[in-house]
Amino acid sequence: ELLEAALGGSLDDWMADWRTGGFKLAATARLLALRQSAPALFADGDYRPVTVAGPDADAVCAFTRRAGDQAVLVVAARFPARFRDAAGPDACLETRETEIPGAWRDILQARDARLQPAPPVASLLSGKAAGVFFKETGPVRGHLPR
């Protein structure tokens, strides 16, 4: 029951009482569900660093993994406490026109995301320290967080 709850809804609910460990459970459950639904992506996917530009570029790490018709984009703030009173790092991802834009699934927030070219990092992180986005153009195996 707790695991099912962890796979649904917003992580904001889990962050409200983060000391219980619910946030870690929810994030871990969602990432493991993604890994189970896209095993080739994690076993054989190629790693591609994503260039970050802007005043806070040094505070952001971003990369993609791709395998076949699946991709995952991971964006993380290196020093999240720096941005506690701000929307997030003042930076954007430098991407080729065909690399990032399009429909993705925000795994940690369990919502659909439409990414534009050179997306601002703050909008990807939505006040969190990290964002994980999944793109699938073929059939998905298993259960992704909804």
N, C-alpha and C. Protein backbone atom coordinates (compact mmCIF):
# COMPACT_ATOMS: atom_id res chain seq x y z
N GLU A 1 0.82 -1.19 0.00
CA GLU A 1 0.00 0.00 0.00
C GLU A 1 0.87 1.26 0.00
N LEU A 2 1.89 1.28 0.83
CA LEU A 2 2.79 2.42 0.88
C LEU A 2 3.57 2.56 -0.43
N LEU A 3 3.96 1.42 -1.01
CA LEU A 3 4.69 1.45 -2.28
C LEU A 3 3.80 1.99 -3.39
N GLU A 4 2.55 1.57 -3.44
CA GLU A 4 1.63 2.10 -4.45
C GLU A 4 1.46 3.61 -4.29
N ALA A 5 1.34 4.05 -3.05
CA ALA A 5 1.23 5.49 -2.79
C ALA A 5 2.48 6.22 -3.25
N ALA A 6 3.64 5.59 -3.08
CA ALA A 6 4.91 6.21 -3.46
C ALA A 6 5.02 6.38 -4.97
N LEU A 7 4.34 5.52 -5.73
CA LEU A 7 4.42 5.59 -7.19
C LEU A 7 3.48 6.63 -7.78
N GLY A 8 2.55 7.14 -7.02
CA GLY A 8 1.58 8.10 -7.55
C GLY A 8 1.70 9.46 -6.90
N GLY A 9 1.11 10.45 -7.56
CA GLY A 9 1.05 11.79 -7.00
C GLY A 9 2.35 12.55 -7.06
N SER A 10 2.32 13.71 -6.46
CA SER A 10 3.45 14.62 -6.48
C SER A 10 4.42 14.33 -5.35
N LEU A 11 5.68 14.54 -5.61
CA LEU A 11 6.68 14.40 -4.55
C LEU A 11 6.57 15.54 -3.53
N ASP A 12 5.86 16.60 -3.88
CA ASP A 12 5.66 17.70 -2.93
C ASP A 12 4.98 17.17 -1.66
N ASP A 13 4.04 16.24 -1.83
CA ASP A 13 3.37 15.66 -0.66
C ASP A 13 4.36 14.94 0.23
N TRP A 14 5.32 14.25 -0.38
CA TRP A 14 6.32 13.51 0.39
C TRP A 14 7.34 14.45 1.02
N MET A 15 7.62 15.57 0.37
CA MET A 15 8.59 16.53 0.89
C MET A 15 8.07 17.24 2.13
N ALA A 16 6.76 17.38 2.24
CA ALA A 16 6.18 18.09 3.37
C ALA A 16 6.61 17.47 4.70
N ASP A 17 6.79 16.16 4.71
CA ASP A 17 7.21 15.48 5.93
C ASP A 17 8.41 14.60 5.59
N TRP A 18 9.47 15.22 5.09
CA TRP A 18 10.62 14.49 4.55
C TRP A 18 11.36 13.68 5.61
N ARG A 19 11.23 14.02 6.87
CA ARG A 19 11.97 13.30 7.92
C ARG A 19 11.50 11.86 8.08
N THR A 20 10.32 11.53 7.58
CA THR A 20 9.81 10.16 7.69
C THR A 20 10.51 9.21 6.72
N GLY A 21 11.23 9.76 5.76
CA GLY A 21 11.89 8.93 4.75
C GLY A 21 10.98 8.64 3.57
N GLY A 22 9.76 9.14 3.61
CA GLY A 22 8.82 8.90 2.52
C GLY A 22 9.28 9.45 1.19
N PHE A 23 9.95 10.60 1.22
CA PHE A 23 10.46 11.19 -0.03
C PHE A 23 11.46 10.25 -0.69
N LYS A 24 12.40 9.72 0.10
CA LYS A 24 13.40 8.79 -0.47
C LYS A 24 12.73 7.54 -1.00
N LEU A 25 11.74 7.02 -0.27
CA LEU A 25 11.01 5.84 -0.73
C LEU A 25 10.31 6.12 -2.05
N ALA A 26 9.62 7.26 -2.13
CA ALA A 26 8.89 7.60 -3.34
C ALA A 26 9.84 7.77 -4.53
N ALA A 27 10.93 8.50 -4.34
CA ALA A 27 11.88 8.72 -5.43
C ALA A 27 12.52 7.41 -5.86
N THR A 28 12.93 6.59 -4.90
CA THR A 28 13.56 5.30 -5.23
C THR A 28 12.57 4.39 -5.94
N ALA A 29 11.34 4.32 -5.47
CA ALA A 29 10.32 3.47 -6.10
C ALA A 29 10.09 3.89 -7.54
N ARG A 30 10.03 5.18 -7.78
CA ARG A 30 9.79 5.68 -9.14
C ARG A 30 10.97 5.38 -10.07
N LEU A 31 12.18 5.54 -9.56
CA LEU A 31 13.35 5.26 -10.40
C LEU A 31 13.49 3.77 -10.67
N LEU A 32 13.19 2.93 -9.69
CA LEU A 32 13.25 1.48 -9.91
C LEU A 32 12.15 1.03 -10.87
N ALA A 33 10.97 1.64 -10.81
CA ALA A 33 9.91 1.32 -11.76
C ALA A 33 10.34 1.68 -13.18
N LEU A 34 11.01 2.81 -13.34
CA LEU A 34 11.53 3.20 -14.65
C LEU A 34 12.56 2.19 -15.13
N ARG A 35 13.47 1.82 -14.26
CA ARG A 35 14.50 0.85 -14.63
C ARG A 35 13.90 -0.49 -15.04
N GLN A 36 12.85 -0.92 -14.35
CA GLN A 36 12.19 -2.18 -14.68
C GLN A 36 11.46 -2.09 -16.01
N SER A 37 10.88 -0.94 -16.32
CA SER A 37 10.12 -0.79 -17.56
C SER A 37 11.00 -0.56 -18.78
N ALA A 38 12.26 -0.17 -18.55
CA ALA A 38 13.18 0.12 -19.67
C ALA A 38 14.55 -0.49 -19.39
N PRO A 39 14.65 -1.82 -19.25
CA PRO A 39 15.93 -2.43 -18.85
C PRO A 39 17.07 -2.19 -19.84
N ALA A 40 16.79 -2.20 -21.14
CA ALA A 40 17.85 -2.00 -22.13
C ALA A 40 18.46 -0.61 -22.04
N LEU A 41 17.63 0.35 -21.69
CA LEU A 41 18.11 1.73 -21.56
C LEU A 41 19.20 1.82 -20.51
N PHE A 42 19.02 1.11 -19.40
CA PHE A 42 19.98 1.18 -18.30
C PHE A 42 21.12 0.19 -18.47
N ALA A 43 20.89 -0.91 -19.15
CA ALA A 43 21.94 -1.91 -19.35
C ALA A 43 22.85 -1.56 -20.52
N ASP A 44 22.26 -1.05 -21.60
CA ASP A 44 23.03 -0.84 -22.83
C ASP A 44 23.00 0.59 -23.37
N GLY A 45 22.24 1.46 -22.73
CA GLY A 45 22.09 2.82 -23.25
C GLY A 45 23.40 3.59 -23.26
N ASP A 46 23.54 4.43 -24.28
CA ASP A 46 24.76 5.23 -24.36
C ASP A 46 24.61 6.50 -23.52
N TYR A 47 25.68 6.88 -22.90
CA TYR A 47 25.75 8.04 -22.02
C TYR A 47 26.20 9.24 -22.83
N ARG A 48 25.48 10.35 -22.72
CA ARG A 48 25.85 11.58 -23.41
C ARG A 48 25.75 12.75 -22.43
N PRO A 49 26.86 13.37 -22.09
CA PRO A 49 26.77 14.56 -21.25
C PRO A 49 26.03 15.66 -21.99
N VAL A 50 25.29 16.47 -21.26
CA VAL A 50 24.57 17.60 -21.84
C VAL A 50 25.27 18.87 -21.35
N THR A 51 25.63 19.73 -22.26
CA THR A 51 26.29 20.99 -21.92
C THR A 51 25.28 21.93 -21.26
N VAL A 52 25.72 22.58 -20.20
CA VAL A 52 24.90 23.53 -19.47
C VAL A 52 25.53 24.90 -19.62
N ALA A 53 24.71 25.93 -19.91
CA ALA A 53 25.21 27.30 -20.09
C ALA A 53 24.49 28.24 -19.14
N GLY A 54 25.17 29.32 -18.80
CA GLY A 54 24.55 30.34 -17.95
C GLY A 54 25.38 30.60 -16.71
N PRO A 55 24.99 31.61 -15.94
CA PRO A 55 25.77 32.00 -14.75
C PRO A 55 25.97 30.88 -13.74
N ASP A 56 25.00 29.98 -13.60
CA ASP A 56 25.12 28.89 -12.63
C ASP A 56 25.43 27.54 -13.28
N ALA A 57 26.01 27.56 -14.47
CA ALA A 57 26.29 26.31 -15.19
C ALA A 57 27.16 25.35 -14.37
N ASP A 58 28.07 25.91 -13.57
CA ASP A 58 28.95 25.06 -12.77
C ASP A 58 28.20 24.33 -11.65
N ALA A 59 26.98 24.71 -11.41
CA ALA A 59 26.19 24.12 -10.33
C ALA A 59 25.18 23.09 -10.85
N VAL A 60 25.33 22.68 -12.12
CA VAL A 60 24.37 21.75 -12.72
C VAL A 60 25.11 20.62 -13.43
N CYS A 61 24.62 19.42 -13.25
CA CYS A 61 25.11 18.24 -13.96
C CYS A 61 23.93 17.69 -14.76
N ALA A 62 24.13 17.42 -16.04
CA ALA A 62 23.04 16.89 -16.87
C ALA A 62 23.60 15.89 -17.88
N PHE A 63 22.82 14.84 -18.13
CA PHE A 63 23.21 13.85 -19.13
C PHE A 63 21.98 13.12 -19.64
N THR A 64 22.15 12.46 -20.78
CA THR A 64 21.11 11.58 -21.30
C THR A 64 21.68 10.18 -21.44
N ARG A 65 20.80 9.22 -21.44
CA ARG A 65 21.11 7.84 -21.83
C ARG A 65 20.08 7.48 -22.88
N ARG A 66 20.54 6.83 -23.95
CA ARG A 66 19.64 6.45 -25.04
C ARG A 66 19.90 5.02 -25.45
N ALA A 67 18.80 4.34 -25.75
CA ALA A 67 18.87 2.98 -26.31
C ALA A 67 17.63 2.78 -27.15
N GLY A 68 17.82 2.55 -28.43
CA GLY A 68 16.68 2.35 -29.32
C GLY A 68 15.76 3.55 -29.31
N ASP A 69 14.48 3.29 -29.00
CA ASP A 69 13.49 4.37 -29.00
C ASP A 69 13.22 4.92 -27.61
N GLN A 70 14.15 4.70 -26.68
CA GLN A 70 14.00 5.18 -25.31
C GLN A 70 15.14 6.13 -24.95
N ALA A 71 14.82 7.09 -24.10
CA ALA A 71 15.84 8.02 -23.60
C ALA A 71 15.47 8.46 -22.20
N VAL A 72 16.48 8.74 -21.42
CA VAL A 72 16.28 9.34 -20.10
C VAL A 72 17.19 10.56 -20.02
N LEU A 73 16.66 11.64 -19.47
CA LEU A 73 17.41 12.87 -19.23
C LEU A 73 17.46 13.07 -17.73
N VAL A 74 18.67 13.23 -17.20
CA VAL A 74 18.86 13.46 -15.77
C VAL A 74 19.50 14.83 -15.60
N VAL A 75 18.91 15.65 -14.74
CA VAL A 75 19.41 16.99 -14.45
C VAL A 75 19.49 17.13 -12.93
N ALA A 76 20.65 17.53 -12.42
CA ALA A 76 20.81 17.66 -10.98
C ALA A 76 21.55 18.94 -10.63
N ALA A 77 21.09 19.58 -9.57
CA ALA A 77 21.80 20.75 -9.03
C ALA A 77 22.93 20.23 -8.14
N ARG A 78 24.14 20.71 -8.37
CA ARG A 78 25.29 20.26 -7.59
C ARG A 78 25.31 20.84 -6.19
N PHE A 79 24.79 22.03 -6.02
CA PHE A 79 24.77 22.68 -4.72
C PHE A 79 23.36 23.20 -4.45
N PRO A 80 22.40 22.32 -4.20
CA PRO A 80 21.00 22.77 -4.12
C PRO A 80 20.73 23.78 -3.00
N ALA A 81 21.47 23.74 -1.92
CA ALA A 81 21.24 24.70 -0.83
C ALA A 81 21.49 26.14 -1.29
N ARG A 82 22.34 26.31 -2.30
CA ARG A 82 22.62 27.63 -2.87
C ARG A 82 21.36 28.30 -3.41
N PHE A 83 20.41 27.47 -3.82
CA PHE A 83 19.24 27.99 -4.53
C PHE A 83 17.96 27.89 -3.71
N ARG A 84 18.11 27.74 -2.41
CA ARG A 84 16.95 27.57 -1.53
C ARG A 84 15.97 28.72 -1.67
N ASP A 85 16.46 29.95 -1.81
CA ASP A 85 15.59 31.12 -1.89
C ASP A 85 15.34 31.57 -3.33
N ALA A 86 15.79 30.80 -4.30
CA ALA A 86 15.60 31.14 -5.71
C ALA A 86 14.80 30.04 -6.39
N ALA A 87 14.41 30.30 -7.62
CA ALA A 87 13.64 29.31 -8.37
C ALA A 87 14.50 28.10 -8.74
N GLY A 88 15.81 28.29 -8.74
CA GLY A 88 16.73 27.22 -9.13
C GLY A 88 17.92 27.83 -9.83
N PRO A 89 18.83 27.00 -10.30
CA PRO A 89 20.02 27.52 -10.99
C PRO A 89 19.66 28.34 -12.22
N ASP A 90 20.37 29.45 -12.40
CA ASP A 90 20.20 30.30 -13.57
C ASP A 90 21.08 29.73 -14.68
N ALA A 91 20.52 28.76 -15.38
CA ALA A 91 21.25 28.06 -16.43
C ALA A 91 20.25 27.40 -17.36
N CYS A 92 20.71 27.00 -18.53
CA CYS A 92 19.85 26.25 -19.44
C CYS A 92 20.68 25.14 -20.09
N LEU A 93 19.98 24.13 -20.59
CA LEU A 93 20.66 23.03 -21.27
C LEU A 93 20.90 23.43 -22.71
N GLU A 94 22.12 23.25 -23.18
CA GLU A 94 22.43 23.50 -24.59
C GLU A 94 22.21 22.20 -25.32
N THR A 95 21.23 22.19 -26.18
CA THR A 95 20.85 20.96 -26.86
C THR A 95 20.71 21.18 -28.35
N ARG A 96 20.93 20.11 -29.08
CA ARG A 96 20.62 20.15 -30.51
C ARG A 96 19.11 20.14 -30.65
N GLU A 97 18.62 20.68 -31.73
CA GLU A 97 17.18 20.80 -31.96
C GLU A 97 16.46 19.46 -31.82
N THR A 98 17.09 18.35 -32.19
CA THR A 98 16.42 17.06 -32.18
C THR A 98 16.68 16.26 -30.91
N GLU A 99 17.51 16.76 -30.01
CA GLU A 99 17.93 15.96 -28.86
C GLU A 99 16.94 15.96 -27.70
N ILE A 100 16.46 17.11 -27.28
CA ILE A 100 15.64 17.21 -26.08
C ILE A 100 14.17 17.56 -26.36
N PRO A 101 13.86 18.46 -27.30
CA PRO A 101 12.48 18.91 -27.45
C PRO A 101 11.50 17.75 -27.64
N GLY A 102 10.30 17.95 -27.12
CA GLY A 102 9.24 16.97 -27.31
C GLY A 102 8.60 16.54 -26.01
N ALA A 103 7.78 15.50 -26.11
CA ALA A 103 7.03 15.00 -24.97
C ALA A 103 7.89 14.03 -24.15
N TRP A 104 7.98 14.28 -22.86
CA TRP A 104 8.72 13.45 -21.92
C TRP A 104 7.80 13.16 -20.74
N ARG A 105 8.18 12.20 -19.94
CA ARG A 105 7.50 11.92 -18.68
C ARG A 105 8.43 12.32 -17.55
N ASP A 106 7.99 13.23 -16.68
CA ASP A 106 8.76 13.63 -15.50
C ASP A 106 8.54 12.53 -14.46
N ILE A 107 9.55 11.69 -14.27
CA ILE A 107 9.42 10.51 -13.43
C ILE A 107 9.25 10.88 -11.96
N LEU A 108 10.02 11.82 -11.47
CA LEU A 108 9.94 12.16 -10.05
C LEU A 108 8.66 12.90 -9.69
N GLN A 109 8.15 13.70 -10.61
CA GLN A 109 6.92 14.44 -10.34
C GLN A 109 5.68 13.72 -10.86
N ALA A 110 5.86 12.59 -11.55
CA ALA A 110 4.75 11.79 -12.08
C ALA A 110 3.79 12.65 -12.90
N ARG A 111 4.36 13.33 -13.90
CA ARG A 111 3.54 14.17 -14.77
C ARG A 111 4.19 14.24 -16.15
N ASP A 112 3.39 14.61 -17.13
CA ASP A 112 3.92 14.79 -18.48
C ASP A 112 4.64 16.12 -18.55
N ALA A 113 5.68 16.18 -19.36
CA ALA A 113 6.46 17.41 -19.53
C ALA A 113 6.75 17.60 -21.01
N ARG A 114 6.55 18.79 -21.49
CA ARG A 114 6.87 19.12 -22.88
C ARG A 114 8.11 20.00 -22.84
N LEU A 115 9.25 19.47 -23.27
CA LEU A 115 10.50 20.21 -23.19
C LEU A 115 10.78 20.94 -24.49
N GLN A 116 11.22 22.17 -24.34
CA GLN A 116 11.57 23.03 -25.47
C GLN A 116 13.08 22.97 -25.69
N PRO A 117 13.55 23.46 -26.84
CA PRO A 117 15.00 23.56 -27.03
C PRO A 117 15.61 24.47 -25.95
N ALA A 118 16.80 24.14 -25.49
CA ALA A 118 17.52 24.91 -24.47
C ALA A 118 16.64 25.20 -23.25
N PRO A 119 16.09 24.17 -22.63
CA PRO A 119 15.19 24.42 -21.49
C PRO A 119 15.92 24.99 -20.29
N PRO A 120 15.30 25.95 -19.58
CA PRO A 120 15.89 26.48 -18.36
C PRO A 120 15.93 25.39 -17.28
N VAL A 121 17.04 25.28 -16.58
CA VAL A 121 17.20 24.26 -15.55
C VAL A 121 16.18 24.44 -14.44
N ALA A 122 15.92 25.68 -14.03
CA ALA A 122 14.96 25.92 -12.94
C ALA A 122 13.59 25.34 -13.27
N SER A 123 13.16 25.44 -14.53
CA SER A 123 11.85 24.89 -14.89
C SER A 123 11.87 23.37 -14.89
N LEU A 124 13.00 22.77 -15.20
CA LEU A 124 13.10 21.31 -15.17
C LEU A 124 13.09 20.77 -13.74
N LEU A 125 13.74 21.49 -12.84
CA LEU A 125 13.86 21.00 -11.46
C LEU A 125 12.64 21.33 -10.60
N SER A 126 11.88 22.34 -10.96
CA SER A 126 10.68 22.71 -10.20
C SER A 126 10.94 22.80 -8.70
N GLY A 127 12.06 23.43 -8.33
CA GLY A 127 12.37 23.60 -6.92
C GLY A 127 13.01 22.40 -6.24
N LYS A 128 13.23 21.33 -6.98
CA LYS A 128 13.85 20.11 -6.42
C LYS A 128 15.33 20.11 -6.76
N ALA A 129 16.08 19.21 -6.17
CA ALA A 129 17.52 19.10 -6.41
C ALA A 129 17.82 18.35 -7.70
N ALA A 130 16.86 17.56 -8.21
CA ALA A 130 17.11 16.77 -9.41
C ALA A 130 15.81 16.54 -10.18
N GLY A 131 15.97 16.24 -11.45
CA GLY A 131 14.84 15.88 -12.31
C GLY A 131 15.24 14.71 -13.18
N VAL A 132 14.32 13.80 -13.39
CA VAL A 132 14.55 12.63 -14.25
C VAL A 132 13.38 12.56 -15.22
N PHE A 133 13.70 12.58 -16.52
CA PHE A 133 12.68 12.62 -17.56
C PHE A 133 12.88 11.44 -18.50
N PHE A 134 11.78 10.81 -18.88
CA PHE A 134 11.81 9.61 -19.73
C PHE A 134 11.05 9.87 -21.01
N LYS A 135 11.63 9.42 -22.13
CA LYS A 135 10.99 9.56 -23.44
C LYS A 135 10.92 8.19 -24.08
N GLU A 136 9.75 7.83 -24.56
CA GLU A 136 9.51 6.52 -25.16
C GLU A 136 8.72 6.73 -26.44
N THR A 137 9.23 6.21 -27.54
CA THR A 137 8.49 6.32 -28.78
C THR A 137 7.89 4.98 -29.19
N GLY A 138 8.21 3.92 -28.45
CA GLY A 138 7.65 2.60 -28.71
C GLY A 138 6.84 2.14 -27.51
N PRO A 139 6.50 0.87 -27.45
CA PRO A 139 5.71 0.36 -26.32
C PRO A 139 6.51 0.37 -25.02
N VAL A 140 5.85 0.68 -23.92
CA VAL A 140 6.48 0.71 -22.60
C VAL A 140 6.13 -0.57 -21.88
N ARG A 141 7.14 -1.24 -21.31
CA ARG A 141 6.91 -2.45 -20.51
C ARG A 141 6.77 -2.03 -19.06
N GLY A 142 5.86 -2.65 -18.37
CA GLY A 142 5.75 -2.40 -16.93
C GLY A 142 4.99 -1.13 -16.62
N HIS A 143 5.18 -0.64 -15.43
CA HIS A 143 4.40 0.48 -14.89
C HIS A 143 5.32 1.68 -14.66
N LEU A 144 4.97 2.80 -15.28
CA LEU A 144 5.66 4.05 -15.01
C LEU A 144 4.81 4.86 -14.04
N PRO A 145 5.43 5.65 -13.17
CA PRO A 145 4.65 6.45 -12.21
C PRO A 145 3.67 7.37 -12.92
N ARG A 146 2.44 7.38 -12.44
CA ARG A 146 1.37 8.23 -13.00
C ARG A 146 0.86 9.17 -11.96
